[in-house]
PDB file of N, CA and C in Angstrom:
ATOM      1  N   MET A   1       0.844  -1.172   0.000  1.00  0.00           N
ATOM      2  CA  MET A   1       0.000   0.000   0.000  1.00  0.00           C
ATOM      3  C   MET A   1       0.894   1.242   0.000  1.00  0.00           C
ATOM      4  N   LYS A   2       0.567   2.187  -0.847  1.00  0.00           N
ATOM      5  CA  LYS A   2       1.331   3.421  -0.971  1.00  0.00           C
ATOM      6  C   LYS A   2       0.911   4.396   0.125  1.00  0.00           C
ATOM      7  N   THR A   3       1.885   4.967   0.833  1.00  0.00           N
ATOM      8  CA  THR A   3       1.559   5.938   1.870  1.00  0.00           C
ATOM      9  C   THR A   3       1.513   7.333   1.263  1.00  0.00           C
ATOM     10  N   ALA A   4       0.667   8.153   1.835  1.00  0.00           N
ATOM     11  CA  ALA A   4       0.530   9.536   1.359  1.00  0.00           C
ATOM     12  C   ALA A   4       1.791  10.315   1.699  1.00  0.00           C
ATOM     13  N   PRO A   5       2.231  11.175   0.783  1.00  0.00           N
ATOM     14  CA  PRO A   5       3.410  11.993   1.092  1.00  0.00           C
ATOM     15  C   PRO A   5       3.124  12.920   2.269  1.00  0.00           C
ATOM     16  N   GLN A   6       4.133  13.153   3.063  1.00  0.00           N
ATOM     17  CA  GLN A   6       4.001  14.013   4.235  1.00  0.00           C
ATOM     18  C   GLN A   6       4.342  15.453   3.866  1.00  0.00           C
ATOM     19  N   ILE A   7       3.529  16.370   4.367  1.00  0.00           N
ATOM     20  CA  ILE A   7       3.857  17.773   4.122  1.00  0.00           C
ATOM     21  C   ILE A   7       4.963  18.197   5.080  1.00  0.00           C
ATOM     22  N   VAL A   8       5.700  19.182   4.654  1.00  0.00           N
ATOM     23  CA  VAL A   8       6.760  19.739   5.490  1.00  0.00           C
ATOM     24  C   VAL A   8       6.380  21.184   5.807  1.00  0.00           C
ATOM     25  N   PRO A   9       6.867  21.709   6.908  1.00  0.00           N
ATOM     26  CA  PRO A   9       6.577  23.111   7.220  1.00  0.00           C
ATOM     27  C   PRO A   9       7.089  24.021   6.102  1.00  0.00           C
ATOM     28  N   PRO A  10       6.425  25.153   5.877  1.00  0.00           N
ATOM     29  CA  PRO A  10       6.845  26.050   4.795  1.00  0.00           C
ATOM     30  C   PRO A  10       8.325  26.407   4.852  1.00  0.00           C
ATOM     31  N   GLU A  11       8.834  26.607   6.048  1.00  0.00           N
ATOM     32  CA  GLU A  11      10.238  26.994   6.209  1.00  0.00           C
ATOM     33  C   GLU A  11      11.197  25.892   5.780  1.00  0.00           C
ATOM     34  N   ALA A  12      10.704  24.648   5.747  1.00  0.00           N
ATOM     35  CA  ALA A  12      11.563  23.514   5.393  1.00  0.00           C
ATOM     36  C   ALA A  12      11.394  23.076   3.938  1.00  0.00           C
ATOM     37  N   CYS A  13      10.507  23.727   3.200  1.00  0.00           N
ATOM     38  CA  CYS A  13      10.290  23.345   1.797  1.00  0.00           C
ATOM     39  C   CYS A  13      11.583  23.517   1.005  1.00  0.00           C
ATOM     40  N   GLN A  14      11.864  22.496   0.172  1.00  0.00           N
ATOM     41  CA  GLN A  14      13.060  22.514  -0.661  1.00  0.00           C
ATOM     42  C   GLN A  14      12.727  22.527  -2.145  1.00  0.00           C
ATOM     43  N   SER A  15      11.428  22.348  -2.470  1.00  0.00           N
ATOM     44  CA  SER A  15      11.027  22.290  -3.875  1.00  0.00           C
ATOM     45  C   SER A  15       9.604  22.803  -4.023  1.00  0.00           C
ATOM     46  N   MET A  16       9.238  23.110  -5.242  1.00  0.00           N
ATOM     47  CA  MET A  16       7.858  23.515  -5.511  1.00  0.00           C
ATOM     48  C   MET A  16       6.899  22.356  -5.257  1.00  0.00           C
ATOM     49  N   GLU A  17       7.366  21.129  -5.404  1.00  0.00           N
ATOM     50  CA  GLU A  17       6.534  19.973  -5.063  1.00  0.00           C
ATOM     51  C   GLU A  17       6.168  20.019  -3.582  1.00  0.00           C
ATOM     52  N   ASP A  18       7.140  20.331  -2.719  1.00  0.00           N
ATOM     53  CA  ASP A  18       6.857  20.468  -1.280  1.00  0.00           C
ATOM     54  C   ASP A  18       5.819  21.560  -1.042  1.00  0.00           C
ATOM     55  N   VAL A  19       5.999  22.705  -1.708  1.00  0.00           N
ATOM     56  CA  VAL A  19       5.086  23.836  -1.542  1.00  0.00           C
ATOM     57  C   VAL A  19       3.685  23.452  -1.995  1.00  0.00           C
ATOM     58  N   ARG A  20       3.575  22.866  -3.181  1.00  0.00           N
ATOM     59  CA  ARG A  20       2.250  22.508  -3.730  1.00  0.00           C
ATOM     60  C   ARG A  20       1.554  21.457  -2.888  1.00  0.00           C
ATOM     61  N   LEU A  21       2.293  20.484  -2.391  1.00  0.00           N
ATOM     62  CA  LEU A  21       1.704  19.461  -1.528  1.00  0.00           C
ATOM     63  C   LEU A  21       1.146  20.108  -0.258  1.00  0.00           C
ATOM     64  N   GLY A  22       1.909  21.019   0.320  1.00  0.00           N
ATOM     65  CA  GLY A  22       1.433  21.704   1.518  1.00  0.00           C
ATOM     66  C   GLY A  22       0.179  22.515   1.252  1.00  0.00           C
ATOM     67  N   ILE A  23       0.183  23.276   0.163  1.00  0.00           N
ATOM     68  CA  ILE A  23      -0.987  24.097  -0.180  1.00  0.00           C
ATOM     69  C   ILE A  23      -2.199  23.229  -0.471  1.00  0.00           C
ATOM     70  N   ASP A  24      -2.026  22.178  -1.270  1.00  0.00           N
ATOM     71  CA  ASP A  24      -3.164  21.304  -1.602  1.00  0.00           C
ATOM     72  C   ASP A  24      -3.739  20.638  -0.359  1.00  0.00           C
ATOM     73  N   THR A  25      -2.869  20.219   0.547  1.00  0.00           N
ATOM     74  CA  THR A  25      -3.332  19.592   1.789  1.00  0.00           C
ATOM     75  C   THR A  25      -4.109  20.593   2.635  1.00  0.00           C
ATOM     76  N   LEU A  26      -3.566  21.789   2.782  1.00  0.00           N
ATOM     77  CA  LEU A  26      -4.258  22.820   3.557  1.00  0.00           C
ATOM     78  C   LEU A  26      -5.568  23.232   2.902  1.00  0.00           C
ATOM     79  N   ASP A  27      -5.601  23.298   1.578  1.00  0.00           N
ATOM     80  CA  ASP A  27      -6.850  23.648   0.892  1.00  0.00           C
ATOM     81  C   ASP A  27      -7.949  22.645   1.212  1.00  0.00           C
ATOM     82  N   ARG A  28      -7.611  21.351   1.234  1.00  0.00           N
ATOM     83  CA  ARG A  28      -8.627  20.340   1.583  1.00  0.00           C
ATOM     84  C   ARG A  28      -9.121  20.546   3.013  1.00  0.00           C
ATOM     85  N   GLU A  29      -8.207  20.866   3.928  1.00  0.00           N
ATOM     86  CA  GLU A  29      -8.601  21.116   5.310  1.00  0.00           C
ATOM     87  C   GLU A  29      -9.463  22.371   5.418  1.00  0.00           C
ATOM     88  N   LEU A  30      -9.109  23.407   4.678  1.00  0.00           N
ATOM     89  CA  LEU A  30      -9.910  24.639   4.688  1.00  0.00           C
ATOM     90  C   LEU A  30     -11.318  24.386   4.168  1.00  0.00           C
ATOM     91  N   VAL A  31     -11.443  23.593   3.105  1.00  0.00           N
ATOM     92  CA  VAL A  31     -12.772  23.276   2.569  1.00  0.00           C
ATOM     93  C   VAL A  31     -13.597  22.553   3.627  1.00  0.00           C
ATOM     94  N   ALA A  32     -12.999  21.601   4.318  1.00  0.00           N
ATOM     95  CA  ALA A  32     -13.722  20.872   5.369  1.00  0.00           C
ATOM     96  C   ALA A  32     -14.179  21.828   6.473  1.00  0.00           C
ATOM     97  N   MET A  33     -13.313  22.754   6.862  1.00  0.00           N
ATOM     98  CA  MET A  33     -13.676  23.710   7.908  1.00  0.00           C
ATOM     99  C   MET A  33     -14.756  24.670   7.429  1.00  0.00           C
ATOM    100  N   LEU A  34     -14.667  25.109   6.177  1.00  0.00           N
ATOM    101  CA  LEU A  34     -15.690  26.013   5.642  1.00  0.00           C
ATOM    102  C   LEU A  34     -17.035  25.305   5.514  1.00  0.00           C
ATOM    103  N   ALA A  35     -17.015  24.021   5.245  1.00  0.00           N
ATOM    104  CA  ALA A  35     -18.273  23.265   5.185  1.00  0.00           C
ATOM    105  C   ALA A  35     -18.951  23.252   6.557  1.00  0.00           C
ATOM    106  N   VAL A  36     -18.168  23.129   7.614  1.00  0.00           N
ATOM    107  CA  VAL A  36     -18.733  23.188   8.969  1.00  0.00           C
ATOM    108  C   VAL A  36     -19.266  24.588   9.243  1.00  0.00           C
ATOM    109  N   ARG A  37     -18.499  25.604   8.846  1.00  0.00           N
ATOM    110  CA  ARG A  37     -18.958  26.989   9.027  1.00  0.00           C
ATOM    111  C   ARG A  37     -20.285  27.200   8.307  1.00  0.00           C
ATOM    112  N   GLN A  38     -20.401  26.650   7.107  1.00  0.00           N
ATOM    113  CA  GLN A  38     -21.641  26.768   6.345  1.00  0.00           C
ATOM    114  C   GLN A  38     -22.811  26.140   7.092  1.00  0.00           C
ATOM    115  N   ARG A  39     -22.573  25.034   7.755  1.00  0.00           N
ATOM    116  CA  ARG A  39     -23.657  24.405   8.515  1.00  0.00           C
ATOM    117  C   ARG A  39     -24.110  25.295   9.671  1.00  0.00           C
ATOM    118  N   TYR A  40     -23.184  26.036  10.273  1.00  0.00           N
ATOM    119  CA  TYR A  40     -23.587  27.009  11.305  1.00  0.00           C
ATOM    120  C   TYR A  40     -24.423  28.125  10.690  1.00  0.00           C
ATOM    121  N   ILE A  41     -24.042  28.562   9.498  1.00  0.00           N
ATOM    122  CA  ILE A  41     -24.827  29.582   8.785  1.00  0.00           C
ATOM    123  C   ILE A  41     -26.238  29.050   8.520  1.00  0.00           C
ATOM    124  N   GLU A  42     -26.321  27.798   8.105  1.00  0.00           N
ATOM    125  CA  GLU A  42     -27.630  27.187   7.841  1.00  0.00           C
ATOM    126  C   GLU A  42     -28.446  27.079   9.118  1.00  0.00           C
ATOM    127  N   ALA A  43     -27.801  26.783  10.237  1.00  0.00           N
ATOM    128  CA  ALA A  43     -28.512  26.744  11.522  1.00  0.00           C
ATOM    129  C   ALA A  43     -29.046  28.131  11.862  1.00  0.00           C
ATOM    130  N   ALA A  44     -28.238  29.158  11.609  1.00  0.00           N
ATOM    131  CA  ALA A  44     -28.702  30.532  11.867  1.00  0.00           C
ATOM    132  C   ALA A  44     -29.916  30.853  11.015  1.00  0.00           C
ATOM    133  N   GLY A  45     -29.891  30.465   9.743  1.00  0.00           N
ATOM    134  CA  GLY A  45     -31.031  30.709   8.861  1.00  0.00           C
ATOM    135  C   GLY A  45     -32.290  29.998   9.320  1.00  0.00           C
ATOM    136  N   ARG A  46     -32.106  28.867   9.936  1.00  0.00           N
ATOM    137  CA  ARG A  46     -33.234  28.099  10.462  1.00  0.00           C
ATOM    138  C   ARG A  46     -33.752  28.708  11.763  1.00  0.00           C
ATOM    139  N   ILE A  47     -32.846  29.230  12.591  1.00  0.00           N
ATOM    140  CA  ILE A  47     -33.193  29.682  13.937  1.00  0.00           C
ATOM    141  C   ILE A  47     -33.707  31.120  13.973  1.00  0.00           C
ATOM    142  N   LYS A  48     -33.132  32.012  13.191  1.00  0.00           N
ATOM    143  CA  LYS A  48     -33.512  33.424  13.266  1.00  0.00           C
ATOM    144  C   LYS A  48     -34.987  33.618  12.922  1.00  0.00           C
ATOM    145  N   PRO A  49     -35.718  34.326  13.778  1.00  0.00           N
ATOM    146  CA  PRO A  49     -37.145  34.481  13.543  1.00  0.00           C
ATOM    147  C   PRO A  49     -37.488  35.504  12.456  1.00  0.00           C
ATOM    148  N   ASN A  50     -36.607  36.476  12.238  1.00  0.00           N
ATOM    149  CA  ASN A  50     -36.904  37.541  11.280  1.00  0.00           C
ATOM    150  C   ASN A  50     -35.832  37.623  10.201  1.00  0.00           C
ATOM    151  N   LYS A  51     -36.265  37.792   8.977  1.00  0.00           N
ATOM    152  CA  LYS A  51     -35.318  37.860   7.861  1.00  0.00           C
ATOM    153  C   LYS A  51     -34.406  39.075   7.968  1.00  0.00           C
ATOM    154  N   ASP A  52     -34.875  40.148   8.577  1.00  0.00           N
ATOM    155  CA  ASP A  52     -34.032  41.338   8.693  1.00  0.00           C
ATOM    156  C   ASP A  52     -32.887  41.145   9.689  1.00  0.00           C
ATOM    157  N   GLU A  53     -32.863  40.024  10.388  1.00  0.00           N
ATOM    158  CA  GLU A  53     -31.763  39.700  11.293  1.00  0.00           C
ATOM    159  C   GLU A  53     -30.636  38.949  10.586  1.00  0.00           C
ATOM    160  N   VAL A  54     -30.832  38.610   9.316  1.00  0.00           N
ATOM    161  CA  VAL A  54     -29.814  37.851   8.589  1.00  0.00           C
ATOM    162  C   VAL A  54     -28.585  38.717   8.323  1.00  0.00           C
ATOM    163  N   ARG A  55     -28.783  39.946   7.903  1.00  0.00           N
ATOM    164  CA  ARG A  55     -27.651  40.856   7.653  1.00  0.00           C
ATOM    165  C   ARG A  55     -27.637  41.908   8.753  1.00  0.00           C
ATOM    166  N   LEU A  56     -26.676  41.767   9.643  1.00  0.00           N
ATOM    167  CA  LEU A  56     -26.526  42.708  10.754  1.00  0.00           C
ATOM    168  C   LEU A  56     -25.161  43.381  10.635  1.00  0.00           C
ATOM    169  N   PRO A  57     -25.132  44.639  10.208  1.00  0.00           N
ATOM    170  CA  PRO A  57     -23.844  45.324  10.024  1.00  0.00           C
ATOM    171  C   PRO A  57     -22.934  45.284  11.258  1.00  0.00           C
ATOM    172  N   TRP A  58     -23.503  45.410  12.434  1.00  0.00           N
ATOM    173  CA  TRP A  58     -22.678  45.376  13.640  1.00  0.00           C
ATOM    174  C   TRP A  58     -21.997  44.028  13.796  1.00  0.00           C
ATOM    175  N   ARG A  59     -22.688  42.949  13.422  1.00  0.00           N
ATOM    176  CA  ARG A  59     -22.112  41.602  13.549  1.00  0.00           C
ATOM    177  C   ARG A  59     -21.014  41.391  12.515  1.00  0.00           C
ATOM    178  N   ILE A  60     -21.219  41.913  11.310  1.00  0.00           N
ATOM    179  CA  ILE A  60     -20.184  41.801  10.280  1.00  0.00           C
ATOM    180  C   ILE A  60     -18.897  42.448  10.779  1.00  0.00           C
ATOM    181  N   GLU A  61     -19.019  43.663  11.316  1.00  0.00           N
ATOM    182  CA  GLU A  61     -17.831  44.369  11.793  1.00  0.00           C
ATOM    183  C   GLU A  61     -17.212  43.679  13.001  1.00  0.00           C
ATOM    184  N   ASP A  62     -18.037  43.082  13.838  1.00  0.00           N
ATOM    185  CA  ASP A  62     -17.538  42.323  14.991  1.00  0.00           C
ATOM    186  C   ASP A  62     -16.694  41.136  14.517  1.00  0.00           C
ATOM    187  N   VAL A  63     -17.193  40.402  13.547  1.00  0.00           N
ATOM    188  CA  VAL A  63     -16.459  39.254  13.009  1.00  0.00           C
ATOM    189  C   VAL A  63     -15.142  39.711  12.376  1.00  0.00           C
ATOM    190  N   VAL A  64     -15.192  40.751  11.565  1.00  0.00           N
ATOM    191  CA  VAL A  64     -13.983  41.233  10.894  1.00  0.00           C
ATOM    192  C   VAL A  64     -12.954  41.715  11.916  1.00  0.00           C
ATOM    193  N   THR A  65     -13.397  42.421  12.939  1.00  0.00           N
ATOM    194  CA  THR A  65     -12.480  42.887  13.979  1.00  0.00           C
ATOM    195  C   THR A  65     -11.786  41.707  14.650  1.00  0.00           C
ATOM    196  N   LYS A  66     -12.546  40.679  14.982  1.00  0.00           N
ATOM    197  CA  LYS A  66     -11.964  39.488  15.620  1.00  0.00           C
ATOM    198  C   LYS A  66     -10.995  38.782  14.679  1.00  0.00           C
ATOM    199  N   ILE A  67     -11.349  38.701  13.407  1.00  0.00           N
ATOM    200  CA  ILE A  67     -10.490  38.044  12.424  1.00  0.00           C
ATOM    201  C   ILE A  67      -9.185  38.806  12.256  1.00  0.00           C
ATOM    202  N   LEU A  68      -9.257  40.129  12.210  1.00  0.00           N
ATOM    203  CA  LEU A  68      -8.035  40.918  12.043  1.00  0.00           C
ATOM    204  C   LEU A  68      -7.114  40.775  13.257  1.00  0.00           C
ATOM    205  N   ALA A  69      -7.682  40.693  14.440  1.00  0.00           N
ATOM    206  CA  ALA A  69      -6.870  40.478  15.639  1.00  0.00           C
ATOM    207  C   ALA A  69      -6.202  39.105  15.588  1.00  0.00           C
ATOM    208  N   GLU A  70      -6.953  38.101  15.177  1.00  0.00           N
ATOM    209  CA  GLU A  70      -6.393  36.744  15.079  1.00  0.00           C
ATOM    210  C   GLU A  70      -5.363  36.663  13.959  1.00  0.00           C
ATOM    211  N   ALA A  71      -5.629  37.351  12.859  1.00  0.00           N
ATOM    212  CA  ALA A  71      -4.668  37.370  11.750  1.00  0.00           C
ATOM    213  C   ALA A  71      -3.331  37.925  12.230  1.00  0.00           C
ATOM    214  N   GLU A  72      -3.381  38.989  12.999  1.00  0.00           N
ATOM    215  CA  GLU A  72      -2.146  39.581  13.514  1.00  0.00           C
ATOM    216  C   GLU A  72      -1.395  38.588  14.396  1.00  0.00           C
ATOM    217  N   LYS A  73      -2.124  37.885  15.276  1.00  0.00           N
ATOM    218  CA  LYS A  73      -1.497  36.891  16.153  1.00  0.00           C
ATOM    219  C   LYS A  73      -0.849  35.767  15.351  1.00  0.00           C
ATOM    220  N   GLN A  74      -1.519  35.360  14.265  1.00  0.00           N
ATOM    221  CA  GLN A  74      -1.065  34.203  13.488  1.00  0.00           C
ATOM    222  C   GLN A  74      -0.082  34.562  12.373  1.00  0.00           C
ATOM    223  N   GLY A  75       0.146  35.848  12.163  1.00  0.00           N
ATOM    224  CA  GLY A  75       1.059  36.263  11.106  1.00  0.00           C
ATOM    225  C   GLY A  75       0.442  36.257   9.721  1.00  0.00           C
ATOM    226  N   LEU A  76      -0.891  36.378   9.656  1.00  0.00           N
ATOM    227  CA  LEU A  76      -1.588  36.449   8.374  1.00  0.00           C
ATOM    228  C   LEU A  76      -1.765  37.912   8.003  1.00  0.00           C
ATOM    229  N   SER A  77      -1.378  38.254   6.795  1.00  0.00           N
ATOM    230  CA  SER A  77      -1.508  39.623   6.319  1.00  0.00           C
ATOM    231  C   SER A  77      -2.960  40.086   6.395  1.00  0.00           C
ATOM    232  N   LYS A  78      -3.163  41.284   6.947  1.00  0.00           N
ATOM    233  CA  LYS A  78      -4.510  41.852   6.984  1.00  0.00           C
ATOM    234  C   LYS A  78      -5.016  42.118   5.566  1.00  0.00           C
ATOM    235  N   ARG A  79      -4.096  42.347   4.622  1.00  0.00           N
ATOM    236  CA  ARG A  79      -4.484  42.567   3.225  1.00  0.00           C
ATOM    237  C   ARG A  79      -5.058  41.297   2.598  1.00  0.00           C
ATOM    238  N   ILE A  80      -4.760  40.158   3.174  1.00  0.00           N
ATOM    239  CA  ILE A  80      -5.369  38.895   2.735  1.00  0.00           C
ATOM    240  C   ILE A  80      -6.614  38.627   3.571  1.00  0.00           C
ATOM    241  N   ALA A  81      -6.479  38.704   4.880  1.00  0.00           N
ATOM    242  CA  ALA A  81      -7.564  38.303   5.781  1.00  0.00           C
ATOM    243  C   ALA A  81      -8.842  39.111   5.587  1.00  0.00           C
ATOM    244  N   GLU A  82      -8.734  40.431   5.577  1.00  0.00           N
ATOM    245  CA  GLU A  82      -9.954  41.241   5.547  1.00  0.00           C
ATOM    246  C   GLU A  82     -10.793  41.018   4.289  1.00  0.00           C
ATOM    247  N   PRO A  83     -10.223  41.116   3.085  1.00  0.00           N
ATOM    248  CA  PRO A  83     -11.091  40.907   1.918  1.00  0.00           C
ATOM    249  C   PRO A  83     -11.621  39.481   1.818  1.00  0.00           C
ATOM    250  N   VAL A  84     -10.813  38.504   2.220  1.00  0.00           N
ATOM    251  CA  VAL A  84     -11.294  37.115   2.170  1.00  0.00           C
ATOM    252  C   VAL A  84     -12.504  36.960   3.072  1.00  0.00           C
ATOM    253  N   TRP A  85     -12.414  37.486   4.296  1.00  0.00           N
ATOM    254  CA  TRP A  85     -13.548  37.328   5.224  1.00  0.00           C
ATOM    255  C   TRP A  85     -14.749  38.162   4.794  1.00  0.00           C
ATOM    256  N   ARG A  86     -14.529  39.341   4.294  1.00  0.00           N
ATOM    257  CA  ARG A  86     -15.672  40.155   3.870  1.00  0.00           C
ATOM    258  C   ARG A  86     -16.408  39.495   2.708  1.00  0.00           C
ATOM    259  N   ILE A  87     -15.684  38.920   1.776  1.00  0.00           N
ATOM    260  CA  ILE A  87     -16.338  38.208   0.665  1.00  0.00           C
ATOM    261  C   ILE A  87     -17.055  36.977   1.196  1.00  0.00           C
ATOM    262  N   MET A  88     -16.388  36.220   2.076  1.00  0.00           N
ATOM    263  CA  MET A  88     -17.008  35.024   2.625  1.00  0.00           C
ATOM    264  C   MET A  88     -18.274  35.383   3.409  1.00  0.00           C
ATOM    265  N   ILE A  89     -18.208  36.419   4.218  1.00  0.00           N
ATOM    266  CA  ILE A  89     -19.378  36.846   4.992  1.00  0.00           C
ATOM    267  C   ILE A  89     -20.520  37.213   4.048  1.00  0.00           C
ATOM    268  N   ASP A  90     -20.210  37.952   2.997  1.00  0.00           N
ATOM    269  CA  ASP A  90     -21.241  38.355   2.042  1.00  0.00           C
ATOM    270  C   ASP A  90     -21.907  37.139   1.398  1.00  0.00           C
ATOM    271  N   ARG A  91     -21.108  36.168   0.980  1.00  0.00           N
ATOM    272  CA  ARG A  91     -21.668  34.958   0.361  1.00  0.00           C
ATOM    273  C   ARG A  91     -22.448  34.127   1.376  1.00  0.00           C
ATOM    274  N   CYS A  92     -21.949  34.101   2.612  1.00  0.00           N
ATOM    275  CA  CYS A  92     -22.653  33.365   3.661  1.00  0.00           C
ATOM    276  C   CYS A  92     -24.006  34.003   3.971  1.00  0.00           C
ATOM    277  N   ILE A  93     -24.054  35.326   3.958  1.00  0.00           N
ATOM    278  CA  ILE A  93     -25.329  36.012   4.179  1.00  0.00           C
ATOM    279  C   ILE A  93     -26.302  35.668   3.058  1.00  0.00           C
ATOM    280  N   ASP A  94     -25.828  35.657   1.815  1.00  0.00           N
ATOM    281  CA  ASP A  94     -26.688  35.247   0.689  1.00  0.00           C
ATOM    282  C   ASP A  94     -27.221  33.836   0.914  1.00  0.00           C
ATOM    283  N   HIS A  95     -26.339  32.939   1.346  1.00  0.00           N
ATOM    284  CA  HIS A  95     -26.744  31.548   1.593  1.00  0.00           C
ATOM    285  C   HIS A  95     -27.748  31.487   2.748  1.00  0.00           C
ATOM    286  N   GLU A  96     -27.495  32.255   3.780  1.00  0.00           N
ATOM    287  CA  GLU A  96     -28.415  32.267   4.920  1.00  0.00           C
ATOM    288  C   GLU A  96     -29.788  32.790   4.515  1.00  0.00           C
ATOM    289  N   HIS A  97     -29.831  33.784   3.632  1.00  0.00           N
ATOM    290  CA  HIS A  97     -31.119  34.264   3.115  1.00  0.00           C
ATOM    291  C   HIS A  97     -31.859  33.131   2.405  1.00  0.00           C
ATOM    292  N   GLU A  98     -31.145  32.365   1.608  1.00  0.00           N
ATOM    293  CA  GLU A  98     -31.779  31.234   0.908  1.00  0.00           C
ATOM    294  C   GLU A  98     -32.343  30.222   1.903  1.00  0.00           C
ATOM    295  N   ILE A  99     -31.565  29.917   2.927  1.00  0.00           N
ATOM    296  CA  ILE A  99     -32.030  28.973   3.950  1.00  0.00           C
ATOM    297  C   ILE A  99     -33.219  29.557   4.700  1.00  0.00           C
ATOM    298  N   TRP A 100     -33.151  30.832   5.051  1.00  0.00           N
ATOM    299  CA  TRP A 100     -34.251  31.462   5.773  1.00  0.00           C
ATOM    300  C   TRP A 100     -35.534  31.371   4.951  1.00  0.00           C
ATOM    301  N   ASP A 101     -35.435  31.697   3.650  1.00  0.00           N
ATOM    302  CA  ASP A 101     -36.609  31.638   2.784  1.00  0.00           C
ATOM    303  C   ASP A 101     -37.181  30.220   2.708  1.00  0.00           C
ATOM    304  N   LYS A 102     -36.317  29.238   2.681  1.00  0.00           N
ATOM    305  CA  LYS A 102     -36.764  27.850   2.586  1.00  0.00           C
ATOM    306  C   LYS A 102     -37.412  27.373   3.880  1.00  0.00           C
ATOM    307  N   GLU A 103     -36.903  27.846   5.007  1.00  0.00           N
ATOM    308  CA  GLU A 103     -37.356  27.362   6.315  1.00  0.00           C
ATOM    309  C   GLU A 103     -38.572  28.104   6.872  1.00  0.00           C
ATOM    310  N   HIS A 104     -38.854  29.312   6.329  1.00  0.00           N
ATOM    311  CA  HIS A 104     -39.942  30.118   6.926  1.00  0.00           C
ATOM    312  C   HIS A 104     -41.053  30.380   5.945  1.00  0.00           C
TER     313      HIS A 104
END
């Protein structure tokens, strides 16, 4: 039986193969985590009693503020983190609207 190649830390990469393996592995993990996040969004769409509660500007800014603080701790560029989360939040709100409409 063939064993899966092991990823190495970015600092230890010696080839583009090492880099690509690490990125591809992390991408699969990110997709799995985003799928769980989506299920929480779907739960919110099911639970919220009013459709006008789906998009709450104060909550969007709260999430972004927390993400930017965590990005700083983890060494993730804010120029990457903020637009990624704002786009994701926007798409998640669209998805939550769809779930809300289906459930109510």
